[in-house]
Amino acid sequence: MRDLDSIMTAAPVIPVLVIDRVEDAVPIAEALVAGGLPVLEVTLRTPAALDAIRAMKSVEGAIVGAGTVLTPELFDAAVEAGSEFIVSPGITETLGRAAAAAHVPLLPGVSSAGDIMRALELGFTRLKFFPAMTSGGIPALKSLSSVFGNVRFCPTGGITLDNAPDWLALPSVACVGGTWLVQNGASDAAAITARAAQAAALRAPA
């Protein structure tokens, strides 16, 4: 089983993907991996998501996980589909127990000091700061990081190619989540690879 540190430092950006058609899954994954982004978060926002995860698992070098996991039932379904990591927009005790039982790493979302304290009580020190821009942006995360020095974050929500370097410059930030990598399904594979290469060059893996 991979740990969250190895996942979060595999590349500076984790693409956050909404897959509408299963047939797009493999071409998208291949394009992103070719550009240097191996960690892929498939959000469970469409009927195709779980099958997309299953399909992407066949792509050499891809580390495929599920995002927008809201319940233990979705957690179990994502694990059954082959997810190597799980991302949730928030943290609950039931999700924490599901992660412990499945031995699949969970990156829970937080947006406040209270959220972080709850996550720490459940044993999580690697967290998604979400939604990053509307939760106070870089000034907010700097303040939170000064209090919770042992926590490392993956800010997601409003991150772009232009502002990602500012987030990545924070010592507490291991990587960022980005939705800008895939814009038109799998029809623009060359463009996806080019955008991935730009993102991968933002910072060398730790």
Protein backbone atom coordinates (compact mmCIF):
# COMPACT_ATOMS: atom_id res chain seq x y z
CA MET A 1 0.00 0.00 0.00
CA ARG A 2 1.31 3.46 -0.90
CA ASP A 3 1.44 6.08 1.82
CA LEU A 4 0.17 9.61 1.40
CA ASP A 5 3.64 11.15 1.54
CA SER A 6 4.79 9.17 -1.49
CA ILE A 7 1.56 10.01 -3.33
CA MET A 8 1.67 13.71 -2.48
CA THR A 9 5.32 14.10 -3.50
CA ALA A 10 5.14 12.12 -6.73
CA ALA A 11 4.44 15.36 -8.64
CA PRO A 12 3.65 18.96 -7.70
CA VAL A 13 0.12 18.79 -9.11
CA ILE A 14 -2.61 16.17 -8.73
CA PRO A 15 -5.10 16.48 -11.61
CA VAL A 16 -8.69 16.56 -10.32
CA LEU A 17 -10.74 14.84 -13.02
CA VAL A 18 -14.42 14.69 -13.88
CA ILE A 19 -14.83 11.80 -16.34
CA ASP A 20 -18.13 11.72 -18.22
CA ARG A 21 -17.32 8.87 -20.61
CA VAL A 22 -15.47 5.69 -19.69
CA GLU A 23 -13.88 5.57 -23.13
CA ASP A 24 -12.06 8.82 -22.31
CA ALA A 25 -10.48 7.46 -19.16
CA VAL A 26 -7.44 5.66 -20.55
CA PRO A 27 -6.49 8.33 -23.13
CA ILE A 28 -6.70 11.03 -20.44
CA ALA A 29 -4.61 8.99 -18.01
CA GLU A 30 -2.02 8.20 -20.67
CA ALA A 31 -1.76 11.87 -21.64
CA LEU A 32 -1.32 13.03 -18.05
CA VAL A 33 1.24 10.37 -17.18
CA ALA A 34 3.16 11.14 -20.39
CA GLY A 35 3.32 14.77 -19.26
CA GLY A 36 4.76 13.83 -15.88
CA LEU A 37 1.68 13.73 -13.64
CA PRO A 38 1.20 10.14 -12.44
CA VAL A 39 -1.22 10.78 -9.54
CA LEU A 40 -4.79 11.03 -10.82
CA GLU A 41 -7.85 11.89 -8.74
CA VAL A 42 -11.11 10.80 -10.38
CA THR A 43 -14.01 12.56 -8.70
CA LEU A 44 -17.09 10.47 -7.99
CA ARG A 45 -19.37 13.05 -9.58
CA THR A 46 -20.47 11.10 -12.65
CA PRO A 47 -21.93 7.63 -13.30
CA ALA A 48 -18.76 6.78 -15.25
CA ALA A 49 -16.34 7.53 -12.41
CA LEU A 50 -15.88 4.07 -10.87
CA ASP A 51 -15.50 2.38 -14.25
CA ALA A 52 -13.05 5.12 -15.23
CA ILE A 53 -10.93 4.27 -12.19
CA ARG A 54 -10.96 0.60 -13.16
CA ALA A 55 -9.89 1.47 -16.71
CA MET A 56 -7.14 3.89 -15.67
CA LYS A 57 -5.55 1.24 -13.47
CA SER A 58 -4.28 -0.37 -16.68
CA VAL A 59 -2.14 2.66 -17.57
CA GLU A 60 1.50 2.05 -16.71
CA GLY A 61 2.79 4.49 -14.14
CA ALA A 62 -0.63 5.80 -13.13
CA ILE A 63 -1.51 6.11 -9.43
CA VAL A 64 -5.29 6.31 -9.48
CA GLY A 65 -7.49 7.48 -6.64
CA ALA A 66 -11.06 8.60 -6.04
CA GLY A 67 -12.20 12.06 -5.03
CA THR A 68 -15.46 13.56 -3.77
CA VAL A 69 -15.90 10.54 -1.49
CA LEU A 70 -18.63 11.54 0.93
CA THR A 71 -19.69 8.34 2.72
CA PRO A 72 -18.26 5.00 3.86
CA GLU A 73 -20.34 3.36 1.12
CA LEU A 74 -18.66 5.46 -1.55
CA PHE A 75 -15.32 4.80 0.11
CA ASP A 76 -15.86 1.03 -0.14
CA ALA A 77 -17.02 1.31 -3.76
CA ALA A 78 -13.94 3.32 -4.68
CA VAL A 79 -11.65 0.79 -3.02
CA GLU A 80 -13.43 -2.06 -4.82
CA ALA A 81 -12.81 -0.23 -8.11
CA GLY A 82 -9.08 -0.25 -7.38
CA SER A 83 -8.44 3.21 -5.93
CA GLU A 84 -5.00 3.52 -4.36
CA PHE A 85 -5.99 6.58 -2.35
CA ILE A 86 -9.19 8.38 -1.41
CA VAL A 87 -9.89 12.12 -1.22
CA SER A 88 -12.86 13.62 0.59
CA PRO A 89 -14.00 17.26 0.81
CA GLY A 90 -14.36 16.95 4.58
CA ILE A 91 -13.71 14.60 7.47
CA THR A 92 -16.10 12.50 9.54
CA GLU A 93 -15.51 9.80 12.09
CA THR A 94 -17.24 7.21 9.89
CA LEU A 95 -14.96 8.00 6.95
CA GLY A 96 -11.95 7.76 9.24
CA ARG A 97 -13.05 4.33 10.41
CA ALA A 98 -13.62 3.20 6.82
CA ALA A 99 -10.08 4.24 5.91
CA ALA A 100 -8.62 2.41 8.88
CA ALA A 101 -10.54 -0.76 8.04
CA ALA A 102 -9.63 -0.71 4.35
CA HIS A 103 -5.96 0.24 4.83
CA VAL A 104 -6.27 2.65 1.90
CA PRO A 105 -4.92 6.16 2.58
CA LEU A 106 -7.48 8.92 2.97
CA LEU A 107 -6.72 12.59 2.27
CA PRO A 108 -9.56 14.40 4.05
CA GLY A 109 -10.56 17.97 3.35
CA VAL A 110 -10.31 20.77 5.89
CA SER A 111 -10.95 24.51 5.76
CA SER A 112 -10.53 25.68 9.37
CA ALA A 113 -8.61 25.14 12.59
CA GLY A 114 -11.53 23.14 13.97
CA ASP A 115 -11.49 20.84 10.94
CA ILE A 116 -7.76 20.27 11.35
CA MET A 117 -8.14 19.48 15.04
CA ARG A 118 -10.84 16.90 14.26
CA ALA A 119 -8.63 15.36 11.59
CA LEU A 120 -5.69 15.17 13.99
CA GLU A 121 -7.86 13.47 16.61
CA LEU A 122 -8.66 10.81 14.00
CA GLY A 123 -4.98 10.36 13.16
CA PHE A 124 -4.71 12.35 9.92
CA THR A 125 -1.77 14.71 9.37
CA ARG A 126 -1.91 14.90 5.57
CA LEU A 127 -4.89 17.04 4.55
CA LYS A 128 -6.60 18.66 1.59
CA PHE A 129 -7.13 22.40 2.12
CA PHE A 130 -10.47 22.93 0.40
CA PRO A 131 -11.87 25.07 -1.06
CA ALA A 132 -8.49 26.76 -1.01
CA MET A 133 -9.17 30.18 -2.50
CA THR A 134 -12.54 30.83 -0.89
CA SER A 135 -11.30 29.59 2.51
CA GLY A 136 -8.89 32.48 2.79
CA GLY A 137 -6.25 31.53 0.27
CA ILE A 138 -2.54 31.59 1.01
CA PRO A 139 -2.79 33.97 4.01
CA ALA A 140 -5.21 31.59 5.73
CA LEU A 141 -3.08 28.53 5.12
CA LYS A 142 0.04 30.34 6.33
CA SER A 143 -1.74 31.14 9.57
CA LEU A 144 -3.03 27.60 10.02
CA SER A 145 0.37 26.11 9.23
CA SER A 146 2.00 28.22 11.94
CA VAL A 147 -0.22 26.48 14.49
CA PHE A 148 -0.26 22.97 13.02
CA GLY A 149 3.39 22.54 12.15
CA ASN A 150 3.27 18.76 11.65
CA VAL A 151 0.53 18.89 8.99
CA ARG A 152 1.16 18.93 5.25
CA PHE A 153 -1.48 20.10 2.83
CA CYS A 154 -2.75 19.68 -0.72
CA PRO A 155 -4.64 22.91 -1.48
CA THR A 156 -7.44 22.39 -4.01
CA GLY A 157 -10.14 24.70 -5.31
CA GLY A 158 -9.27 27.75 -7.38
CA ILE A 159 -5.69 26.63 -8.03
CA THR A 160 -4.38 27.55 -11.48
CA LEU A 161 -1.14 27.22 -13.40
CA ASP A 162 -0.44 30.87 -12.60
CA ASN A 163 -1.00 30.76 -8.84
CA ALA A 164 0.17 27.20 -8.15
CA PRO A 165 3.83 28.23 -7.67
CA ASP A 166 2.81 30.61 -4.87
CA TRP A 167 1.05 27.77 -3.05
CA LEU A 168 3.89 25.33 -3.69
CA ALA A 169 6.35 27.79 -2.17
CA LEU A 170 4.73 27.29 1.24
CA PRO A 171 6.73 24.81 3.36
CA SER A 172 3.52 23.13 4.53
CA VAL A 173 2.30 22.42 0.98
CA ALA A 174 3.29 19.07 -0.50
CA CYS A 175 1.32 19.44 -3.73
CA VAL A 176 -1.77 21.13 -5.15
CA GLY A 177 -4.91 19.79 -6.80
CA GLY A 178 -5.77 21.20 -10.21
CA THR A 179 -8.82 21.07 -12.44
CA TRP A 180 -7.31 22.96 -15.35
CA LEU A 181 -5.41 20.02 -16.88
CA VAL A 182 -8.31 18.40 -18.74
CA GLN A 183 -10.80 20.72 -20.41
CA ASN A 184 -12.35 18.92 -23.38
CA GLY A 185 -12.41 15.24 -22.50
CA ALA A 186 -9.88 13.06 -24.27
CA SER A 187 -10.20 14.89 -27.59
CA ASP A 188 -7.19 17.10 -26.89
CA ALA A 189 -4.65 14.51 -25.69
CA ALA A 190 -1.67 16.47 -26.99
CA ALA A 191 -2.87 19.60 -25.18
CA ILE A 192 -3.41 17.61 -21.98
CA THR A 193 0.15 16.28 -22.16
CA ALA A 194 1.48 19.79 -22.76
CA ARG A 195 -0.44 21.21 -19.80
CA ALA A 196 0.71 18.30 -17.65
CA ALA A 197 4.33 18.94 -18.59
CA GLN A 198 3.96 22.60 -17.59
CA ALA A 199 2.45 21.56 -14.26
CA ALA A 200 5.08 18.89 -13.61
CA ALA A 201 7.82 21.46 -14.14
CA LEU A 202 6.50 23.77 -11.43
CA ARG A 203 8.63 22.02 -8.86
CA ALA A 204 10.74 18.90 -8.81
CA PRO A 205 9.31 16.06 -6.68
CA ALA A 206 10.61 16.03 -3.11
